[in-house]
Amino acid sequence: MANPDRLDLPVDLNSIDESGLPWAFLDAAADPSAVTPGRFIVVGSGAARAVAQVVDIEDGIVHVRALRGSVTTNSHLLTDHHLAS
């Protein structure tokens, strides 16, 4: 079961830039080495949480694509043991 308090990367999902995607600073990640393109992570701000796929990282900026559904529904995508706890 997904940890409801887990947050891999703080992202305001309404903060969309010219790419059309939400973004955040890589150095804000709980474990920056775990944030890599293609990986699914837990993102959000405040009480809002979502599973998102890391689209790209450029100059310390991470773009993500949030998935529909709850973290619990999408927790099967969090495949790495240290990320799924």
N, C-alpha and C. Protein backbone atom coordinates (compact mmCIF):
# COMPACT_ATOMS: atom_id res chain seq x y z
N MET A 1 0.84 -1.18 0.00
CA MET A 1 0.00 0.00 0.00
C MET A 1 0.89 1.24 0.00
N ALA A 2 0.48 2.26 -0.72
CA ALA A 2 1.27 3.49 -0.83
C ALA A 2 1.21 4.28 0.47
N ASN A 3 2.32 4.88 0.81
CA ASN A 3 2.41 5.73 1.99
C ASN A 3 1.73 7.06 1.67
N PRO A 4 0.65 7.44 2.40
CA PRO A 4 -0.07 8.67 2.08
C PRO A 4 0.73 9.94 2.36
N ASP A 5 1.81 9.83 3.14
CA ASP A 5 2.63 11.00 3.46
C ASP A 5 3.83 11.14 2.54
N ARG A 6 4.03 10.17 1.69
CA ARG A 6 5.19 10.17 0.80
C ARG A 6 5.13 11.35 -0.18
N LEU A 7 6.27 11.98 -0.38
CA LEU A 7 6.39 13.04 -1.37
C LEU A 7 7.82 13.02 -1.90
N ASP A 8 7.99 12.57 -3.14
CA ASP A 8 9.32 12.49 -3.73
C ASP A 8 9.80 13.85 -4.23
N LEU A 9 8.86 14.64 -4.76
CA LEU A 9 9.21 15.94 -5.31
C LEU A 9 8.04 16.91 -5.12
N PRO A 10 8.26 17.99 -4.36
CA PRO A 10 7.19 18.99 -4.23
C PRO A 10 6.96 19.67 -5.58
N VAL A 11 5.73 19.57 -6.08
CA VAL A 11 5.36 20.19 -7.36
C VAL A 11 3.97 20.80 -7.20
N ASP A 12 3.84 22.07 -7.55
CA ASP A 12 2.52 22.68 -7.68
C ASP A 12 2.02 22.25 -9.05
N LEU A 13 1.05 21.36 -9.08
CA LEU A 13 0.59 20.80 -10.34
C LEU A 13 -0.08 21.83 -11.25
N ASN A 14 -0.32 23.03 -10.73
CA ASN A 14 -0.87 24.12 -11.54
C ASN A 14 0.23 25.02 -12.09
N SER A 15 1.48 24.73 -11.77
CA SER A 15 2.61 25.56 -12.22
C SER A 15 3.10 25.06 -13.57
N ILE A 16 2.40 25.41 -14.61
CA ILE A 16 2.72 24.93 -15.95
C ILE A 16 3.51 26.01 -16.68
N ASP A 17 4.64 25.61 -17.27
CA ASP A 17 5.46 26.57 -18.01
C ASP A 17 5.21 26.45 -19.52
N GLU A 18 6.09 27.03 -20.32
CA GLU A 18 5.91 27.04 -21.78
C GLU A 18 5.91 25.64 -22.39
N SER A 19 6.40 24.65 -21.65
CA SER A 19 6.37 23.27 -22.14
C SER A 19 4.97 22.67 -22.05
N GLY A 20 4.11 23.30 -21.26
CA GLY A 20 2.76 22.78 -21.04
C GLY A 20 2.69 21.77 -19.91
N LEU A 21 3.81 21.62 -19.17
CA LEU A 21 3.88 20.63 -18.09
C LEU A 21 4.19 21.30 -16.76
N PRO A 22 3.73 20.69 -15.66
CA PRO A 22 4.14 21.17 -14.33
C PRO A 22 5.64 20.96 -14.16
N TRP A 23 6.24 21.80 -13.31
CA TRP A 23 7.69 21.73 -13.13
C TRP A 23 8.05 21.99 -11.68
N ALA A 24 9.28 21.64 -11.34
CA ALA A 24 9.83 21.89 -10.00
C ALA A 24 11.35 21.88 -10.11
N PHE A 25 12.00 22.35 -9.06
CA PHE A 25 13.46 22.33 -9.00
C PHE A 25 13.93 20.97 -8.50
N LEU A 26 14.87 20.37 -9.19
CA LEU A 26 15.40 19.05 -8.82
C LEU A 26 15.94 19.04 -7.41
N ASP A 27 16.59 20.10 -6.98
CA ASP A 27 17.18 20.10 -5.64
C ASP A 27 16.15 20.11 -4.52
N ALA A 28 14.86 20.25 -4.85
CA ALA A 28 13.80 20.16 -3.84
C ALA A 28 13.36 18.72 -3.59
N ALA A 29 13.86 17.78 -4.39
CA ALA A 29 13.47 16.38 -4.26
C ALA A 29 14.00 15.77 -2.98
N ALA A 30 13.23 14.85 -2.42
CA ALA A 30 13.68 14.12 -1.22
C ALA A 30 14.98 13.37 -1.50
N ASP A 31 15.10 12.79 -2.70
CA ASP A 31 16.31 12.10 -3.14
C ASP A 31 16.51 12.43 -4.62
N PRO A 32 17.26 13.49 -4.92
CA PRO A 32 17.42 13.90 -6.32
C PRO A 32 17.93 12.79 -7.24
N SER A 33 18.72 11.86 -6.72
CA SER A 33 19.23 10.78 -7.57
C SER A 33 18.13 9.83 -8.02
N ALA A 34 16.98 9.83 -7.34
CA ALA A 34 15.87 8.96 -7.69
C ALA A 34 14.94 9.59 -8.72
N VAL A 35 15.17 10.85 -9.05
CA VAL A 35 14.34 11.56 -10.03
C VAL A 35 15.07 11.52 -11.37
N THR A 36 14.62 10.61 -12.22
CA THR A 36 15.25 10.44 -13.53
C THR A 36 14.17 10.35 -14.60
N PRO A 37 14.48 10.78 -15.83
CA PRO A 37 13.48 10.71 -16.89
C PRO A 37 12.92 9.30 -17.06
N GLY A 38 11.60 9.24 -17.20
CA GLY A 38 10.91 7.96 -17.36
C GLY A 38 10.41 7.35 -16.07
N ARG A 39 11.00 7.73 -14.95
CA ARG A 39 10.62 7.15 -13.66
C ARG A 39 9.30 7.75 -13.16
N PHE A 40 8.53 6.93 -12.48
CA PHE A 40 7.30 7.39 -11.83
C PHE A 40 7.62 7.73 -10.38
N ILE A 41 7.17 8.91 -9.94
CA ILE A 41 7.42 9.39 -8.59
C ILE A 41 6.13 9.98 -8.02
N VAL A 42 6.13 10.25 -6.72
CA VAL A 42 4.99 10.90 -6.08
C VAL A 42 5.30 12.39 -6.00
N VAL A 43 4.38 13.19 -6.53
CA VAL A 43 4.53 14.64 -6.54
C VAL A 43 3.31 15.28 -5.89
N GLY A 44 3.41 16.56 -5.60
CA GLY A 44 2.26 17.29 -5.09
C GLY A 44 2.68 18.44 -4.20
N SER A 45 1.67 19.07 -3.64
CA SER A 45 1.89 20.15 -2.68
C SER A 45 0.69 20.19 -1.74
N GLY A 46 0.93 20.65 -0.51
CA GLY A 46 -0.13 20.61 0.48
C GLY A 46 -0.58 19.19 0.69
N ALA A 47 -1.89 18.97 0.70
CA ALA A 47 -2.43 17.62 0.89
C ALA A 47 -2.59 16.87 -0.43
N ALA A 48 -2.41 17.55 -1.56
CA ALA A 48 -2.59 16.93 -2.87
C ALA A 48 -1.38 16.08 -3.23
N ARG A 49 -1.62 14.86 -3.67
CA ARG A 49 -0.56 13.95 -4.10
C ARG A 49 -1.01 13.27 -5.39
N ALA A 50 -0.03 12.98 -6.24
CA ALA A 50 -0.30 12.24 -7.48
C ALA A 50 0.96 11.49 -7.88
N VAL A 51 0.77 10.41 -8.60
CA VAL A 51 1.91 9.75 -9.24
C VAL A 51 2.12 10.47 -10.57
N ALA A 52 3.37 10.76 -10.87
CA ALA A 52 3.70 11.45 -12.12
C ALA A 52 4.93 10.80 -12.74
N GLN A 53 5.02 10.89 -14.05
CA GLN A 53 6.20 10.42 -14.75
C GLN A 53 7.12 11.61 -15.00
N VAL A 54 8.40 11.41 -14.72
CA VAL A 54 9.39 12.45 -14.99
C VAL A 54 9.59 12.48 -16.50
N VAL A 55 9.30 13.62 -17.11
CA VAL A 55 9.42 13.77 -18.56
C VAL A 55 10.84 14.14 -18.95
N ASP A 56 11.38 15.17 -18.28
CA ASP A 56 12.75 15.57 -18.57
C ASP A 56 13.31 16.37 -17.40
N ILE A 57 14.62 16.53 -17.43
CA ILE A 57 15.33 17.36 -16.45
C ILE A 57 16.33 18.18 -17.24
N GLU A 58 16.20 19.49 -17.13
CA GLU A 58 17.11 20.37 -17.86
C GLU A 58 17.48 21.55 -16.98
N ASP A 59 18.77 21.76 -16.79
CA ASP A 59 19.27 22.88 -15.97
C ASP A 59 18.64 22.90 -14.58
N GLY A 60 18.45 21.70 -13.99
CA GLY A 60 17.91 21.61 -12.65
C GLY A 60 16.40 21.76 -12.55
N ILE A 61 15.71 21.84 -13.69
CA ILE A 61 14.25 21.94 -13.72
C ILE A 61 13.69 20.59 -14.16
N VAL A 62 12.75 20.07 -13.37
CA VAL A 62 12.12 18.77 -13.64
C VAL A 62 10.71 19.03 -14.18
N HIS A 63 10.39 18.46 -15.33
CA HIS A 63 9.03 18.49 -15.86
C HIS A 63 8.40 17.13 -15.62
N VAL A 64 7.15 17.14 -15.17
CA VAL A 64 6.44 15.90 -14.89
C VAL A 64 5.09 15.87 -15.59
N ARG A 65 4.59 14.68 -15.80
CA ARG A 65 3.24 14.47 -16.34
C ARG A 65 2.47 13.66 -15.30
N ALA A 66 1.56 14.33 -14.60
CA ALA A 66 0.78 13.66 -13.55
C ALA A 66 -0.24 12.71 -14.17
N LEU A 67 -0.44 11.59 -13.50
CA LEU A 67 -1.42 10.59 -13.94
C LEU A 67 -2.75 10.83 -13.25
N ARG A 68 -3.80 10.46 -13.90
CA ARG A 68 -5.12 10.52 -13.27
C ARG A 68 -5.22 9.40 -12.25
N GLY A 69 -6.00 9.64 -11.22
CA GLY A 69 -6.19 8.62 -10.20
C GLY A 69 -5.35 8.88 -8.97
N SER A 70 -5.62 8.15 -7.94
CA SER A 70 -4.94 8.34 -6.65
C SER A 70 -3.56 7.70 -6.66
N VAL A 71 -2.77 8.06 -5.66
CA VAL A 71 -1.46 7.44 -5.50
C VAL A 71 -1.64 5.94 -5.28
N THR A 72 -2.62 5.56 -4.50
CA THR A 72 -2.88 4.14 -4.25
C THR A 72 -3.20 3.41 -5.54
N THR A 73 -4.03 3.99 -6.38
CA THR A 73 -4.40 3.37 -7.65
C THR A 73 -3.20 3.17 -8.55
N ASN A 74 -2.27 4.12 -8.53
CA ASN A 74 -1.11 4.08 -9.42
C ASN A 74 0.17 3.58 -8.75
N SER A 75 0.07 3.09 -7.53
CA SER A 75 1.27 2.70 -6.77
C SER A 75 2.05 1.55 -7.43
N HIS A 76 1.38 0.75 -8.26
CA HIS A 76 2.08 -0.34 -8.95
C HIS A 76 3.16 0.19 -9.91
N LEU A 77 3.09 1.46 -10.27
CA LEU A 77 4.09 2.07 -11.15
C LEU A 77 5.35 2.48 -10.40
N LEU A 78 5.25 2.53 -9.09
CA LEU A 78 6.38 2.92 -8.24
C LEU A 78 7.17 1.65 -7.96
N THR A 79 7.95 1.22 -8.92
CA THR A 79 8.55 -0.10 -8.89
C THR A 79 9.77 -0.24 -8.00
N ASP A 80 10.53 0.81 -7.81
CA ASP A 80 11.73 0.70 -7.00
C ASP A 80 11.35 0.61 -5.53
N HIS A 81 11.95 -0.33 -4.84
CA HIS A 81 11.61 -0.58 -3.44
C HIS A 81 11.72 0.68 -2.58
N HIS A 82 12.80 1.44 -2.73
CA HIS A 82 12.97 2.63 -1.89
C HIS A 82 11.98 3.72 -2.26
N LEU A 83 11.39 3.68 -3.48
CA LEU A 83 10.41 4.67 -3.87
C LEU A 83 8.99 4.27 -3.48
N ALA A 84 8.72 2.99 -3.35
CA ALA A 84 7.36 2.53 -3.10
C ALA A 84 7.03 2.42 -1.62
N SER A 85 7.95 2.79 -0.75
CA SER A 85 7.68 2.64 0.68
C SER A 85 6.80 3.76 1.20
